[in-house]
Amino acid sequence: MNTIEKTIIVTEQEWQERRKAVWQRELESWARSRALDPDYDGDPALEDFFWTGNIERFIHAKVKQSDTPGRFWGWVLKAEPTRNYEALVRNIKNFWEWVLEDPSERLPNNSKLEKMPALELFEKPIQRLGGVNTPILDPVCSVRLFKECYGETFQAETVFPYPLGKEGWQPVLRSEPEDRFLKLSSSLNGYLFFQERGIHYRQCLEVLNHLFSTIPLLPDRRIFHTYLYEDEGEEGYEKGLVGKQYAIRGFLANLYDYNVYHEDGLEAVPHNDPELEALIKEKFNALMPDEYHGLIEFIHRHKEECIFESE
């Protein structure tokens, strides 16, 4: 079996509902700010950009307000209203041409109030492509840019495909197989098993081969261990490992129809695409290391309680 990938389909109604929901969350954020500061009037320039995609007008408005447009890089990816990939790329190029003309003034500060390096700013949202927190609202455009940036299969180092600015800067993108495996698995888990069937989960349908290509490269197989790495003491504890174990166990429990979220009121595991489920099981059984098969046996033993058990 060479591929099991499917084509992403998004209706216009689904697209408009997704954008309205995202913008509603932004309006709610403004309302909270207004409760603290009655003079706060939201961000009309950002609202115009979100609904029109006119980046030149957005940058001009922000400069006029003495704001730093560079800090809105994530919105450049999020705001394109047309689902047109070429329009998205054009906005990316226009934004970075403007930033790179005067980076010392146009790059935002980081959490340490230091000027953020261009690569750090660039990578922050790009690294989320393909996952549930992708910055691009249209899953078709998100997957296309993901593949342009990171390839059909996993590579540790790639180059952003479009030259940026007058010097033609093409950022070098470095990736870790475990991080990529977890991001894409999260989208797949959402698509297969979540009741809330957001269109962003559909990204997984066209990146399955990329997901599978990470498996032989996983450097730390403890993510599949039956021992739960939650309390090794301050020196031995590795931050984040137990969270990765929780995520993987939850996904695999869903795959084998164990309702690990029953205490949250979920009556049964939804099965949104049983055919794809069967194919995922087949691929995982063929590609995964021995530790994975031990974890599956562990899940069968502990069933709905498998996430928090440890052996």
C-alpha atoms as a PDB file:
ATOM      1  CA  MET A   1       0.000   0.000   0.000  1.00  0.00           C
ATOM      2  CA  ASN A   2       1.817   3.155  -1.189  1.00  0.00           C
ATOM      3  CA  THR A   3      -0.581   5.764   0.133  1.00  0.00           C
ATOM      4  CA  ILE A   4      -3.779   6.054   2.117  1.00  0.00           C
ATOM      5  CA  GLU A   5      -4.108   9.807   1.840  1.00  0.00           C
ATOM      6  CA  LYS A   6      -7.430  11.392   0.924  1.00  0.00           C
ATOM      7  CA  THR A   7      -8.429  14.754  -0.528  1.00  0.00           C
ATOM      8  CA  ILE A   8      -9.539  17.524   1.815  1.00  0.00           C
ATOM      9  CA  ILE A   9     -12.993  18.893   1.027  1.00  0.00           C
ATOM     10  CA  VAL A  10     -14.312  22.056   2.698  1.00  0.00           C
ATOM     11  CA  THR A  11     -17.645  23.623   1.768  1.00  0.00           C
ATOM     12  CA  GLU A  12     -18.074  27.384   1.525  1.00  0.00           C
ATOM     13  CA  GLN A  13     -20.491  27.269   4.456  1.00  0.00           C
ATOM     14  CA  GLU A  14     -17.949  25.439   6.619  1.00  0.00           C
ATOM     15  CA  TRP A  15     -15.288  27.968   5.642  1.00  0.00           C
ATOM     16  CA  GLN A  16     -17.436  30.973   6.512  1.00  0.00           C
ATOM     17  CA  GLU A  17     -18.512  29.423   9.816  1.00  0.00           C
ATOM     18  CA  ARG A  18     -14.874  28.779  10.721  1.00  0.00           C
ATOM     19  CA  ARG A  19     -13.896  32.392  10.031  1.00  0.00           C
ATOM     20  CA  LYS A  20     -16.881  33.783  11.914  1.00  0.00           C
ATOM     21  CA  ALA A  21     -16.033  31.628  14.938  1.00  0.00           C
ATOM     22  CA  VAL A  22     -12.410  32.798  14.927  1.00  0.00           C
ATOM     23  CA  TRP A  23     -13.426  36.421  14.669  1.00  0.00           C
ATOM     24  CA  GLN A  24     -16.037  35.997  17.410  1.00  0.00           C
ATOM     25  CA  ARG A  25     -13.275  34.858  19.768  1.00  0.00           C
ATOM     26  CA  GLU A  26     -11.325  38.000  18.865  1.00  0.00           C
ATOM     27  CA  LEU A  27     -14.369  40.168  19.617  1.00  0.00           C
ATOM     28  CA  GLU A  28     -14.758  38.436  22.979  1.00  0.00           C
ATOM     29  CA  SER A  29     -11.117  39.209  23.723  1.00  0.00           C
ATOM     30  CA  TRP A  30     -11.751  42.863  22.906  1.00  0.00           C
ATOM     31  CA  ALA A  31     -14.763  42.858  25.235  1.00  0.00           C
ATOM     32  CA  ARG A  32     -12.595  41.606  28.098  1.00  0.00           C
ATOM     33  CA  SER A  33     -10.062  44.356  27.385  1.00  0.00           C
ATOM     34  CA  ARG A  34     -12.856  46.926  27.255  1.00  0.00           C
ATOM     35  CA  ALA A  35     -14.048  45.815  30.699  1.00  0.00           C
ATOM     36  CA  LEU A  36     -10.633  46.808  32.046  1.00  0.00           C
ATOM     37  CA  ASP A  37     -10.307  49.937  29.916  1.00  0.00           C
ATOM     38  CA  PRO A  38     -13.575  51.594  28.812  1.00  0.00           C
ATOM     39  CA  ASP A  39     -11.661  53.655  26.240  1.00  0.00           C
ATOM     40  CA  TYR A  40     -10.387  50.555  24.434  1.00  0.00           C
ATOM     41  CA  ASP A  41     -11.880  50.507  20.945  1.00  0.00           C
ATOM     42  CA  GLY A  42     -10.658  47.183  19.597  1.00  0.00           C
ATOM     43  CA  ASP A  43      -8.506  47.101  16.477  1.00  0.00           C
ATOM     44  CA  PRO A  44     -10.347  48.419  13.388  1.00  0.00           C
ATOM     45  CA  ALA A  45      -7.240  47.968  11.213  1.00  0.00           C
ATOM     46  CA  LEU A  46      -7.003  44.295  12.125  1.00  0.00           C
ATOM     47  CA  GLU A  47     -10.733  43.831  11.540  1.00  0.00           C
ATOM     48  CA  ASP A  48     -10.440  45.358   8.075  1.00  0.00           C
ATOM     49  CA  PHE A  49      -7.447  43.140   7.296  1.00  0.00           C
ATOM     50  CA  PHE A  50      -9.212  39.990   8.483  1.00  0.00           C
ATOM     51  CA  TRP A  51     -12.213  40.556   6.232  1.00  0.00           C
ATOM     52  CA  THR A  52     -10.456  42.029   3.176  1.00  0.00           C
ATOM     53  CA  GLY A  53      -6.928  40.573   3.194  1.00  0.00           C
ATOM     54  CA  ASN A  54      -5.535  43.968   2.156  1.00  0.00           C
ATOM     55  CA  ILE A  55      -2.103  43.816   3.764  1.00  0.00           C
ATOM     56  CA  GLU A  56      -0.805  47.100   2.341  1.00  0.00           C
ATOM     57  CA  ARG A  57      -3.668  49.001   3.968  1.00  0.00           C
ATOM     58  CA  PHE A  58      -3.130  47.087   7.218  1.00  0.00           C
ATOM     59  CA  ILE A  59       0.592  47.897   7.407  1.00  0.00           C
ATOM     60  CA  HIS A  60      -0.071  51.545   6.557  1.00  0.00           C
ATOM     61  CA  ALA A  61      -2.707  51.806   9.307  1.00  0.00           C
ATOM     62  CA  LYS A  62      -0.449  50.193  11.904  1.00  0.00           C
ATOM     63  CA  VAL A  63       2.477  52.454  11.071  1.00  0.00           C
ATOM     64  CA  LYS A  64       0.170  55.467  11.325  1.00  0.00           C
ATOM     65  CA  GLN A  65      -0.882  54.258  14.796  1.00  0.00           C
ATOM     66  CA  SER A  66       2.802  53.892  15.805  1.00  0.00           C
ATOM     67  CA  ASP A  67       2.095  50.188  16.308  1.00  0.00           C
ATOM     68  CA  THR A  68       4.538  47.440  15.308  1.00  0.00           C
ATOM     69  CA  PRO A  69       2.999  45.545  12.361  1.00  0.00           C
ATOM     70  CA  GLY A  70       5.726  42.911  12.678  1.00  0.00           C
ATOM     71  CA  ARG A  71       3.999  41.466  15.719  1.00  0.00           C
ATOM     72  CA  PHE A  72       0.990  40.566  13.555  1.00  0.00           C
ATOM     73  CA  TRP A  73       2.851  37.926  11.513  1.00  0.00           C
ATOM     74  CA  GLY A  74       0.507  35.192  12.720  1.00  0.00           C
ATOM     75  CA  TRP A  75      -2.467  37.205  11.484  1.00  0.00           C
ATOM     76  CA  VAL A  76      -0.907  37.464   8.026  1.00  0.00           C
ATOM     77  CA  LEU A  77      -1.271  33.683   7.804  1.00  0.00           C
ATOM     78  CA  LYS A  78      -4.681  33.641   9.473  1.00  0.00           C
ATOM     79  CA  ALA A  79      -6.473  36.523   7.778  1.00  0.00           C
ATOM     80  CA  GLU A  80      -6.478  35.601   4.060  1.00  0.00           C
ATOM     81  CA  PRO A  81     -10.245  35.490   3.316  1.00  0.00           C
ATOM     82  CA  THR A  82     -10.306  33.940  -0.161  1.00  0.00           C
ATOM     83  CA  ARG A  83      -8.843  30.428   0.368  1.00  0.00           C
ATOM     84  CA  ASN A  84      -6.546  31.315  -2.533  1.00  0.00           C
ATOM     85  CA  TYR A  85      -3.025  29.962  -2.018  1.00  0.00           C
ATOM     86  CA  GLU A  86      -1.379  32.451  -4.365  1.00  0.00           C
ATOM     87  CA  ALA A  87      -3.011  35.337  -2.476  1.00  0.00           C
ATOM     88  CA  LEU A  88      -1.692  33.899   0.787  1.00  0.00           C
ATOM     89  CA  VAL A  89       1.855  33.653  -0.586  1.00  0.00           C
ATOM     90  CA  ARG A  90       1.615  37.185  -1.957  1.00  0.00           C
ATOM     91  CA  ASN A  91       0.689  38.511   1.492  1.00  0.00           C
ATOM     92  CA  ILE A  92       3.570  36.575   3.049  1.00  0.00           C
ATOM     93  CA  LYS A  93       6.018  38.082   0.572  1.00  0.00           C
ATOM     94  CA  ASN A  94       4.657  41.607   0.934  1.00  0.00           C
ATOM     95  CA  PHE A  95       4.740  41.436   4.719  1.00  0.00           C
ATOM     96  CA  TRP A  96       8.308  40.174   4.919  1.00  0.00           C
ATOM     97  CA  GLU A  97       9.560  42.566   2.266  1.00  0.00           C
ATOM     98  CA  TRP A  98       8.309  45.377   4.487  1.00  0.00           C
ATOM     99  CA  VAL A  99       9.794  43.881   7.703  1.00  0.00           C
ATOM    100  CA  LEU A 100      13.196  43.155   6.161  1.00  0.00           C
ATOM    101  CA  GLU A 101      13.570  46.670   4.775  1.00  0.00           C
ATOM    102  CA  ASP A 102      14.221  47.856   8.347  1.00  0.00           C
ATOM    103  CA  PRO A 103      14.293  44.879  10.740  1.00  0.00           C
ATOM    104  CA  SER A 104      15.714  46.859  13.654  1.00  0.00           C
ATOM    105  CA  GLU A 105      12.537  48.957  13.686  1.00  0.00           C
ATOM    106  CA  ARG A 106       9.972  46.529  12.316  1.00  0.00           C
ATOM    107  CA  LEU A 107      10.651  43.305  14.192  1.00  0.00           C
ATOM    108  CA  PRO A 108       8.705  43.060  17.480  1.00  0.00           C
ATOM    109  CA  ASN A 109      10.240  42.457  20.899  1.00  0.00           C
ATOM    110  CA  ASN A 110      10.266  39.015  22.512  1.00  0.00           C
ATOM    111  CA  SER A 111       9.205  38.171  26.075  1.00  0.00           C
ATOM    112  CA  LYS A 112      12.542  39.509  27.347  1.00  0.00           C
ATOM    113  CA  LEU A 113      11.815  42.867  25.683  1.00  0.00           C
ATOM    114  CA  GLU A 114      14.664  42.220  23.278  1.00  0.00           C
ATOM    115  CA  LYS A 115      14.358  42.572  19.501  1.00  0.00           C
ATOM    116  CA  MET A 116      13.146  39.217  18.192  1.00  0.00           C
ATOM    117  CA  PRO A 117      15.429  37.630  15.556  1.00  0.00           C
ATOM    118  CA  ALA A 118      13.743  37.367  12.156  1.00  0.00           C
ATOM    119  CA  LEU A 119      14.043  33.565  12.073  1.00  0.00           C
ATOM    120  CA  GLU A 120      12.474  33.205  15.519  1.00  0.00           C
ATOM    121  CA  LEU A 121       9.511  35.341  14.495  1.00  0.00           C
ATOM    122  CA  PHE A 122       9.151  33.565  11.157  1.00  0.00           C
ATOM    123  CA  GLU A 123       9.271  30.025  12.544  1.00  0.00           C
ATOM    124  CA  LYS A 124       6.896  30.460  15.454  1.00  0.00           C
ATOM    125  CA  PRO A 125       3.626  30.089  13.480  1.00  0.00           C
ATOM    126  CA  ILE A 126       5.126  28.132  10.563  1.00  0.00           C
ATOM    127  CA  GLN A 127       6.057  25.292  12.936  1.00  0.00           C
ATOM    128  CA  ARG A 128       2.380  24.849  13.784  1.00  0.00           C
ATOM    129  CA  LEU A 129       1.349  23.984  10.215  1.00  0.00           C
ATOM    130  CA  GLY A 130      -0.312  20.572  10.000  1.00  0.00           C
ATOM    131  CA  GLY A 131      -1.266  20.518  13.679  1.00  0.00           C
ATOM    132  CA  VAL A 132      -4.492  21.422  15.441  1.00  0.00           C
ATOM    133  CA  ASN A 133      -3.117  24.917  16.151  1.00  0.00           C
ATOM    134  CA  THR A 134      -2.215  25.724  12.554  1.00  0.00           C
ATOM    135  CA  PRO A 135      -2.286  29.486  11.957  1.00  0.00           C
ATOM    136  CA  ILE A 136      -3.919  29.087   8.518  1.00  0.00           C
ATOM    137  CA  LEU A 137      -7.683  28.672   8.747  1.00  0.00           C
ATOM    138  CA  ASP A 138      -8.170  26.899   5.416  1.00  0.00           C
ATOM    139  CA  PRO A 139      -6.857  23.312   5.780  1.00  0.00           C
ATOM    140  CA  VAL A 140      -6.146  23.041   2.042  1.00  0.00           C
ATOM    141  CA  CYS A 141      -3.847  26.082   2.077  1.00  0.00           C
ATOM    142  CA  SER A 142      -2.348  24.988   5.383  1.00  0.00           C
ATOM    143  CA  VAL A 143      -1.383  21.568   4.042  1.00  0.00           C
ATOM    144  CA  ARG A 144      -0.031  23.007   0.816  1.00  0.00           C
ATOM    145  CA  LEU A 145       2.258  25.412   2.671  1.00  0.00           C
ATOM    146  CA  PHE A 146       3.209  22.614   5.082  1.00  0.00           C
ATOM    147  CA  LYS A 147       4.355  20.437   2.186  1.00  0.00           C
ATOM    148  CA  GLU A 148       6.134  23.339   0.494  1.00  0.00           C
ATOM    149  CA  CYS A 149       8.003  24.025   3.742  1.00  0.00           C
ATOM    150  CA  TYR A 150       8.632  20.522   5.059  1.00  0.00           C
ATOM    151  CA  GLY A 151       8.218  18.085   2.167  1.00  0.00           C
ATOM    152  CA  GLU A 152       6.056  15.060   1.450  1.00  0.00           C
ATOM    153  CA  THR A 153       8.095  13.046   3.962  1.00  0.00           C
ATOM    154  CA  PHE A 154      10.075  14.100   7.010  1.00  0.00           C
ATOM    155  CA  GLN A 155      13.374  15.919   6.605  1.00  0.00           C
ATOM    156  CA  ALA A 156      15.357  17.336   9.498  1.00  0.00           C
ATOM    157  CA  GLU A 157      16.299  20.465   7.552  1.00  0.00           C
ATOM    158  CA  THR A 158      14.424  22.225   4.772  1.00  0.00           C
ATOM    159  CA  VAL A 159      14.378  25.689   3.205  1.00  0.00           C
ATOM    160  CA  PHE A 160      11.370  27.984   2.936  1.00  0.00           C
ATOM    161  CA  PRO A 161      10.501  27.829  -0.774  1.00  0.00           C
ATOM    162  CA  TYR A 162       9.808  31.507  -1.454  1.00  0.00           C
ATOM    163  CA  PRO A 163      12.557  34.179  -1.397  1.00  0.00           C
ATOM    164  CA  LEU A 164      11.652  37.005   0.973  1.00  0.00           C
ATOM    165  CA  GLY A 165      12.687  40.639   0.816  1.00  0.00           C
ATOM    166  CA  LYS A 166      15.066  42.316  -1.598  1.00  0.00           C
ATOM    167  CA  GLU A 167      17.925  40.035  -0.522  1.00  0.00           C
ATOM    168  CA  GLY A 168      15.873  36.902  -1.242  1.00  0.00           C
ATOM    169  CA  TRP A 169      16.045  35.508   2.304  1.00  0.00           C
ATOM    170  CA  GLN A 170      14.940  31.869   2.491  1.00  0.00           C
ATOM    171  CA  PRO A 171      14.812  30.750   6.131  1.00  0.00           C
ATOM    172  CA  VAL A 172      16.287  27.351   6.976  1.00  0.00           C
ATOM    173  CA  LEU A 173      13.669  25.305   8.856  1.00  0.00           C
ATOM    174  CA  ARG A 174      14.839  22.649  11.309  1.00  0.00           C
ATOM    175  CA  SER A 175      12.493  19.941  12.538  1.00  0.00           C
ATOM    176  CA  GLU A 176      12.419  17.131  15.099  1.00  0.00           C
ATOM    177  CA  PRO A 177      10.673  13.865  14.146  1.00  0.00           C
ATOM    178  CA  GLU A 178       9.037  13.445  17.559  1.00  0.00           C
ATOM    179  CA  ASP A 179       7.568  16.941  17.495  1.00  0.00           C
ATOM    180  CA  ARG A 180       6.224  16.387  13.971  1.00  0.00           C
ATOM    181  CA  PHE A 181       4.808  12.957  14.881  1.00  0.00           C
ATOM    182  CA  LEU A 182       2.931  14.410  17.854  1.00  0.00           C
ATOM    183  CA  LYS A 183       1.565  17.401  15.912  1.00  0.00           C
ATOM    184  CA  LEU A 184       0.240  15.331  13.019  1.00  0.00           C
ATOM    185  CA  SER A 185      -1.083  12.604  15.325  1.00  0.00           C
ATOM    186  CA  SER A 186      -3.044  15.257  17.192  1.00  0.00           C
ATOM    187  CA  SER A 187      -4.782  16.338  13.971  1.00  0.00           C
ATOM    188  CA  LEU A 188      -5.480  12.713  13.092  1.00  0.00           C
ATOM    189  CA  ASN A 189      -6.919  12.046  16.550  1.00  0.00           C
ATOM    190  CA  GLY A 190      -9.218  15.051  16.225  1.00  0.00           C
ATOM    191  CA  TYR A 191     -10.390  14.048  12.755  1.00  0.00           C
ATOM    192  CA  LEU A 192     -11.110  10.438  13.682  1.00  0.00           C
ATOM    193  CA  PHE A 193     -12.550  10.747  17.167  1.00  0.00           C
ATOM    194  CA  PHE A 194     -13.671  14.240  18.189  1.00  0.00           C
ATOM    195  CA  GLN A 195     -17.345  15.150  18.330  1.00  0.00           C
ATOM    196  CA  GLU A 196     -16.508  18.728  17.345  1.00  0.00           C
ATOM    197  CA  ARG A 197     -15.449  18.101  13.750  1.00  0.00           C
ATOM    198  CA  GLY A 198     -13.512  21.261  12.997  1.00  0.00           C
ATOM    199  CA  ILE A 199     -12.210  21.650   9.453  1.00  0.00           C
ATOM    200  CA  HIS A 200      -8.653  22.147  10.746  1.00  0.00           C
ATOM    201  CA  TYR A 201      -8.490  18.463  11.716  1.00  0.00           C
ATOM    202  CA  ARG A 202      -8.842  17.511   8.047  1.00  0.00           C
ATOM    203  CA  GLN A 203      -5.239  18.526   7.431  1.00  0.00           C
ATOM    204  CA  CYS A 204      -4.289  15.011   8.537  1.00  0.00           C
ATOM    205  CA  LEU A 205      -5.852  13.510   5.405  1.00  0.00           C
ATOM    206  CA  GLU A 206      -3.078  14.805   3.151  1.00  0.00           C
ATOM    207  CA  VAL A 207      -0.063  14.441   5.467  1.00  0.00           C
ATOM    208  CA  LEU A 208      -0.394  10.798   6.512  1.00  0.00           C
ATOM    209  CA  ASN A 209       2.680   9.702   4.571  1.00  0.00           C
ATOM    210  CA  HIS A 210       4.657  12.459   6.270  1.00  0.00           C
ATOM    211  CA  LEU A 211       3.402  11.204   9.636  1.00  0.00           C
ATOM    212  CA  PHE A 212       4.413   7.630   8.848  1.00  0.00           C
ATOM    213  CA  SER A 213       7.863   8.747   7.704  1.00  0.00           C
ATOM    214  CA  THR A 214       8.623  10.121  11.185  1.00  0.00           C
ATOM    215  CA  ILE A 215       8.081   6.789  12.943  1.00  0.00           C
ATOM    216  CA  PRO A 216      11.406   5.055  12.119  1.00  0.00           C
ATOM    217  CA  LEU A 217      13.203   8.262  13.155  1.00  0.00           C
ATOM    218  CA  LEU A 218      11.658   8.699  16.618  1.00  0.00           C
ATOM    219  CA  PRO A 219      14.655   9.197  18.940  1.00  0.00           C
ATOM    220  CA  ASP A 220      13.018   8.607  22.325  1.00  0.00           C
ATOM    221  CA  ARG A 221      10.789   5.557  22.550  1.00  0.00           C
ATOM    222  CA  ARG A 222       9.889   6.299  26.156  1.00  0.00           C
ATOM    223  CA  ILE A 223       6.807   8.029  24.784  1.00  0.00           C
ATOM    224  CA  PHE A 224       5.496   4.470  24.242  1.00  0.00           C
ATOM    225  CA  HIS A 225       6.597   3.099  27.625  1.00  0.00           C
ATOM    226  CA  THR A 226       4.044   1.662  30.035  1.00  0.00           C
ATOM    227  CA  TYR A 227       5.869   3.402  32.892  1.00  0.00           C
ATOM    228  CA  LEU A 228       4.507   6.908  33.315  1.00  0.00           C
ATOM    229  CA  TYR A 229       7.330   9.440  33.650  1.00  0.00           C
ATOM    230  CA  GLU A 230       5.527  11.832  35.984  1.00  0.00           C
ATOM    231  CA  ASP A 231       7.643  11.852  39.150  1.00  0.00           C
ATOM    232  CA  GLU A 232      11.363  11.276  38.836  1.00  0.00           C
ATOM    233  CA  GLY A 233      12.408  14.132  41.101  1.00  0.00           C
ATOM    234  CA  GLU A 234      13.526  17.561  40.022  1.00  0.00           C
ATOM    235  CA  GLU A 235      16.843  16.443  38.530  1.00  0.00           C
ATOM    236  CA  GLY A 236      15.628  13.393  36.612  1.00  0.00           C
ATOM    237  CA  TYR A 237      12.262  14.697  35.493  1.00  0.00           C
ATOM    238  CA  GLU A 238      12.152  15.608  31.820  1.00  0.00           C
ATOM    239  CA  LYS A 239       9.665  18.358  31.241  1.00  0.00           C
ATOM    240  CA  GLY A 240       6.951  17.463  28.801  1.00  0.00           C
ATOM    241  CA  LEU A 241       7.531  13.711  28.515  1.00  0.00           C
ATOM    242  CA  VAL A 242       4.511  12.723  30.589  1.00  0.00           C
ATOM    243  CA  GLY A 243       2.327  15.094  28.560  1.00  0.00           C
ATOM    244  CA  LYS A 244       3.440  13.358  25.378  1.00  0.00           C
ATOM    245  CA  GLN A 245       2.592   9.997  26.950  1.00  0.00           C
ATOM    246  CA  TYR A 246      -0.891  11.239  27.857  1.00  0.00           C
ATOM    247  CA  ALA A 247      -1.478  12.432  24.287  1.00  0.00           C
ATOM    248  CA  ILE A 248      -0.328   9.182  22.693  1.00  0.00           C
ATOM    249  CA  ARG A 249      -2.254   6.994  25.128  1.00  0.00           C
ATOM    250  CA  GLY A 250      -5.420   9.000  24.556  1.00  0.00           C
ATOM    251  CA  PHE A 251      -5.098   8.656  20.786  1.00  0.00           C
ATOM    252  CA  LEU A 252      -4.365   4.921  20.870  1.00  0.00           C
ATOM    253  CA  ALA A 253      -7.149   4.278  23.385  1.00  0.00           C
ATOM    254  CA  ASN A 254      -9.566   5.959  20.972  1.00  0.00           C
ATOM    255  CA  LEU A 255      -8.162   3.850  18.144  1.00  0.00           C
ATOM    256  CA  TYR A 256      -9.062   0.695  20.085  1.00  0.00           C
ATOM    257  CA  ASP A 257     -12.444   2.055  21.242  1.00  0.00           C
ATOM    258  CA  TYR A 258     -11.668   2.628  24.923  1.00  0.00           C
ATOM    259  CA  ASN A 259     -13.567   5.658  26.184  1.00  0.00           C
ATOM    260  CA  VAL A 260     -10.899   7.287  28.343  1.00  0.00           C
ATOM    261  CA  TYR A 261     -12.942  10.491  28.588  1.00  0.00           C
ATOM    262  CA  HIS A 262     -16.090   8.912  30.044  1.00  0.00           C
ATOM    263  CA  GLU A 263     -15.730  10.919  33.257  1.00  0.00           C
ATOM    264  CA  ASP A 264     -16.031  14.099  31.168  1.00  0.00           C
ATOM    265  CA  GLY A 265     -19.472  13.009  29.982  1.00  0.00           C
ATOM    266  CA  LEU A 266     -18.495  11.351  26.696  1.00  0.00           C
ATOM    267  CA  GLU A 267     -20.912   8.441  26.277  1.00  0.00           C
ATOM    268  CA  ALA A 268     -18.920   6.595  23.616  1.00  0.00           C
ATOM    269  CA  VAL A 269     -15.900   7.157  21.383  1.00  0.00           C
ATOM    270  CA  PRO A 270     -17.083   8.743  18.103  1.00  0.00           C
ATOM    271  CA  HIS A 271     -15.839   6.909  15.009  1.00  0.00           C
ATOM    272  CA  ASN A 272     -15.887   9.468  12.204  1.00  0.00           C
ATOM    273  CA  ASP A 273     -13.988   7.435   9.585  1.00  0.00           C
ATOM    274  CA  PRO A 274     -13.822   3.681  10.415  1.00  0.00           C
ATOM    275  CA  GLU A 275     -12.122   2.845   7.114  1.00  0.00           C
ATOM    276  CA  LEU A 276      -9.240   5.193   7.851  1.00  0.00           C
ATOM    277  CA  GLU A 277      -9.044   3.870  11.425  1.00  0.00           C
ATOM    278  CA  ALA A 278      -8.449   0.361  10.107  1.00  0.00           C
ATOM    279  CA  LEU A 279      -5.746   1.574   7.744  1.00  0.00           C
ATOM    280  CA  ILE A 280      -4.004   3.515  10.527  1.00  0.00           C
ATOM    281  CA  LYS A 281      -3.933   0.405  12.711  1.00  0.00           C
ATOM    282  CA  GLU A 282      -2.436  -1.574   9.847  1.00  0.00           C
ATOM    283  CA  LYS A 283       0.265   1.016   9.189  1.00  0.00           C
ATOM    284  CA  PHE A 284       1.129   1.471  12.857  1.00  0.00           C
ATOM    285  CA  ASN A 285       1.391  -2.289  13.388  1.00  0.00           C
ATOM    286  CA  ALA A 286       3.828  -2.502  10.480  1.00  0.00           C
ATOM    287  CA  LEU A 287       5.972   0.548  11.268  1.00  0.00           C
ATOM    288  CA  MET A 288       6.034   1.023  15.027  1.00  0.00           C
ATOM    289  CA  PRO A 289       8.836  -0.183  17.361  1.00  0.00           C
ATOM    290  CA  ASP A 290       8.418  -2.996  19.894  1.00  0.00           C
ATOM    291  CA  GLU A 291       7.605  -0.506  22.654  1.00  0.00           C
ATOM    292  CA  TYR A 292       4.455   0.484  20.784  1.00  0.00           C
ATOM    293  CA  HIS A 293       3.144  -3.074  20.723  1.00  0.00           C
ATOM    294  CA  GLY A 294       3.836  -3.365  24.452  1.00  0.00           C
ATOM    295  CA  LEU A 295       1.837  -0.172  24.999  1.00  0.00           C
ATOM    296  CA  ILE A 296      -1.105  -1.561  23.011  1.00  0.00           C
ATOM    297  CA  GLU A 297      -1.147  -4.651  25.252  1.00  0.00           C
ATOM    298  CA  PHE A 298      -1.023  -2.320  28.267  1.00  0.00           C
ATOM    299  CA  ILE A 299      -3.998  -0.348  26.902  1.00  0.00           C
ATOM    300  CA  HIS A 300      -5.995  -3.555  26.430  1.00  0.00           C
ATOM    301  CA  ARG A 301      -5.256  -4.490  30.058  1.00  0.00           C
ATOM    302  CA  HIS A 302      -6.235  -1.152  31.565  1.00  0.00           C
ATOM    303  CA  LYS A 303      -8.898  -0.113  29.054  1.00  0.00           C
ATOM    304  CA  GLU A 304     -10.612   3.175  30.004  1.00  0.00           C
ATOM    305  CA  GLU A 305      -8.093   3.829  32.794  1.00  0.00           C
ATOM    306  CA  CYS A 306      -4.991   3.396  30.641  1.00  0.00           C
ATOM    307  CA  ILE A 307      -3.929   7.050  30.434  1.00  0.00           C
ATOM    308  CA  PHE A 308      -2.946   7.411  34.084  1.00  0.00           C
ATOM    309  CA  GLU A 309      -1.823   3.846  34.854  1.00  0.00           C
ATOM    310  CA  SER A 310       1.858   2.943  35.151  1.00  0.00           C
ATOM    311  CA  GLU A 311       3.758  -0.344  35.152  1.00  0.00           C
END
